[in-house]
C-alpha atoms as a PDB file:
ATOM      1  CA  MET A   1       0.000   0.000   0.000  1.00  0.00           C
ATOM      2  CA  PRO A   2       1.360   3.370  -0.906  1.00  0.00           C
ATOM      3  CA  GLU A   3       1.779   5.843   1.915  1.00  0.00           C
ATOM      4  CA  THR A   4      -0.537   8.797   1.668  1.00  0.00           C
ATOM      5  CA  SER A   5       0.086  12.145   3.193  1.00  0.00           C
ATOM      6  CA  VAL A   6      -2.118  15.150   3.679  1.00  0.00           C
ATOM      7  CA  PRO A   7      -0.946  18.178   1.730  1.00  0.00           C
ATOM      8  CA  GLN A   8       0.298  21.021   3.935  1.00  0.00           C
ATOM      9  CA  SER A   9      -2.624  23.271   2.930  1.00  0.00           C
ATOM     10  CA  GLN A  10      -5.153  20.736   4.237  1.00  0.00           C
ATOM     11  CA  THR A  11      -3.709  20.164   7.695  1.00  0.00           C
ATOM     12  CA  PRO A  12      -6.030  21.363  10.446  1.00  0.00           C
ATOM     13  CA  ALA A  13      -5.211  24.631  12.131  1.00  0.00           C
ATOM     14  CA  PRO A  14      -4.040  24.319  15.730  1.00  0.00           C
ATOM     15  CA  LEU A  15      -6.702  24.849  18.343  1.00  0.00           C
ATOM     16  CA  PRO A  16      -6.545  28.193  20.124  1.00  0.00           C
ATOM     17  CA  LYS A  17      -5.081  27.987  23.588  1.00  0.00           C
ATOM     18  CA  LYS A  18      -7.629  28.393  26.327  1.00  0.00           C
ATOM     19  CA  SER A  19      -6.849  30.912  28.970  1.00  0.00           C
ATOM     20  CA  PRO A  20      -6.648  29.258  32.364  1.00  0.00           C
ATOM     21  CA  ARG A  21      -9.849  29.605  34.377  1.00  0.00           C
ATOM     22  CA  LYS A  22      -9.515  31.561  37.541  1.00  0.00           C
ATOM     23  CA  LYS A  23     -10.406  29.649  40.640  1.00  0.00           C
ATOM     24  CA  ARG A  24     -13.741  30.561  42.213  1.00  0.00           C
ATOM     25  CA  VAL A  25     -13.949  30.806  45.988  1.00  0.00           C
ATOM     26  CA  ALA A  26     -16.526  31.783  48.583  1.00  0.00           C
ATOM     27  CA  SER A  27     -16.180  35.159  50.255  1.00  0.00           C
ATOM     28  CA  VAL A  28     -17.902  36.160  53.518  1.00  0.00           C
ATOM     29  CA  LEU A  29     -18.887  39.655  54.667  1.00  0.00           C
ATOM     30  CA  GLN A  30     -17.507  38.990  58.119  1.00  0.00           C
ATOM     31  CA  ASN A  31     -19.029  42.001  59.866  1.00  0.00           C
ATOM     32  CA  GLU A  32     -22.530  40.902  58.763  1.00  0.00           C
ATOM     33  CA  CYS A  33     -22.196  37.142  59.337  1.00  0.00           C
ATOM     34  CA  VAL A  34     -24.564  35.766  62.005  1.00  0.00           C
ATOM     35  CA  SER A  35     -22.353  32.677  62.549  1.00  0.00           C
ATOM     36  CA  CYS A  36     -25.279  30.266  62.253  1.00  0.00           C
ATOM     37  CA  GLY A  37     -23.049  27.502  60.870  1.00  0.00           C
ATOM     38  CA  TYR A  38     -25.320  26.446  57.996  1.00  0.00           C
ATOM     39  CA  CYS A  39     -22.488  27.059  55.535  1.00  0.00           C
ATOM     40  CA  VAL A  40     -20.173  24.824  57.571  1.00  0.00           C
ATOM     41  CA  LYS A  41     -22.708  21.988  57.443  1.00  0.00           C
ATOM     42  CA  VAL A  42     -23.251  22.098  53.662  1.00  0.00           C
ATOM     43  CA  CYS A  43     -19.640  22.548  52.540  1.00  0.00           C
ATOM     44  CA  PRO A  44     -18.615  19.254  50.904  1.00  0.00           C
ATOM     45  CA  LEU A  45     -14.897  19.905  51.445  1.00  0.00           C
ATOM     46  CA  SER A  46     -14.966  21.325  54.981  1.00  0.00           C
ATOM     47  CA  ALA A  47     -13.531  24.588  53.675  1.00  0.00           C
ATOM     48  CA  ILE A  48     -15.576  26.753  56.061  1.00  0.00           C
ATOM     49  CA  SER A  49     -15.281  27.141  59.800  1.00  0.00           C
ATOM     50  CA  ILE A  50     -16.721  29.560  62.339  1.00  0.00           C
ATOM     51  CA  PHE A  51     -13.858  31.765  63.526  1.00  0.00           C
ATOM     52  CA  HIS A  52     -13.910  32.409  67.295  1.00  0.00           C
ATOM     53  CA  GLY A  53     -17.706  32.032  67.281  1.00  0.00           C
ATOM     54  CA  MET A  54     -18.003  35.338  65.429  1.00  0.00           C
ATOM     55  CA  TYR A  55     -18.076  34.754  61.653  1.00  0.00           C
ATOM     56  CA  ALA A  56     -17.577  32.177  58.930  1.00  0.00           C
ATOM     57  CA  HIS A  57     -14.054  31.835  57.560  1.00  0.00           C
ATOM     58  CA  VAL A  58     -13.346  30.220  54.178  1.00  0.00           C
ATOM     59  CA  ASP A  59     -10.087  28.366  53.531  1.00  0.00           C
ATOM     60  CA  PRO A  60      -9.395  29.315  49.887  1.00  0.00           C
ATOM     61  CA  THR A  61      -7.054  26.348  49.431  1.00  0.00           C
ATOM     62  CA  ARG A  62      -9.950  23.942  50.058  1.00  0.00           C
ATOM     63  CA  CYS A  63     -12.894  25.883  48.559  1.00  0.00           C
ATOM     64  CA  VAL A  64     -13.920  24.912  45.017  1.00  0.00           C
ATOM     65  CA  GLY A  65     -16.586  27.587  44.556  1.00  0.00           C
ATOM     66  CA  CYS A  66     -19.542  25.181  44.415  1.00  0.00           C
ATOM     67  CA  ALA A  67     -21.852  27.878  45.912  1.00  0.00           C
ATOM     68  CA  LYS A  68     -23.700  25.538  48.287  1.00  0.00           C
ATOM     69  CA  CYS A  69     -22.814  27.867  51.168  1.00  0.00           C
ATOM     70  CA  GLU A  70     -24.026  30.910  49.258  1.00  0.00           C
ATOM     71  CA  LYS A  71     -27.417  29.300  48.652  1.00  0.00           C
ATOM     72  CA  VAL A  72     -27.963  28.270  52.277  1.00  0.00           C
ATOM     73  CA  CYS A  73     -26.789  31.490  53.996  1.00  0.00           C
ATOM     74  CA  PRO A  74     -29.811  33.071  55.744  1.00  0.00           C
ATOM     75  CA  ALA A  75     -28.045  36.440  56.012  1.00  0.00           C
ATOM     76  CA  SER A  76     -26.989  36.451  52.319  1.00  0.00           C
ATOM     77  CA  VAL A  77     -23.429  37.420  53.248  1.00  0.00           C
ATOM     78  CA  ILE A  78     -21.610  34.763  51.221  1.00  0.00           C
ATOM     79  CA  THR A  79     -20.757  35.334  47.580  1.00  0.00           C
ATOM     80  CA  ILE A  80     -18.696  33.377  45.080  1.00  0.00           C
ATOM     81  CA  ARG A  81     -15.934  35.361  43.395  1.00  0.00           C
ATOM     82  CA  GLU A  82     -12.837  34.751  41.354  1.00  0.00           C
ATOM     83  CA  GLU A  83      -9.792  34.260  43.534  1.00  0.00           C
ATOM     84  CA  GLY A  84      -7.754  37.430  43.797  1.00  0.00           C
ATOM     85  CA  ALA A  85     -10.731  39.682  42.998  1.00  0.00           C
ATOM     86  CA  ALA A  86     -11.562  42.403  45.506  1.00  0.00           C
ATOM     87  CA  SER A  87     -14.206  41.286  47.969  1.00  0.00           C
END
């Protein structure tokens, strides 16, 4: 069988490189948090804890930005943002 090759003009163009997605993390308005603990209970990765009984604290190294905490927060003080963005 003869070897066939695709002419240079018919080779597919390379796919464009995707820019890396920024990591999404939960952010808490600490001065408005009622420290109810609902966010702690729903976080699948245990990324949230109640700091000194005063407010919820998110560990950004564990948070994956799933937004379960945001949905359950009765005070609506949790938002999901891109890591490094101003809170």
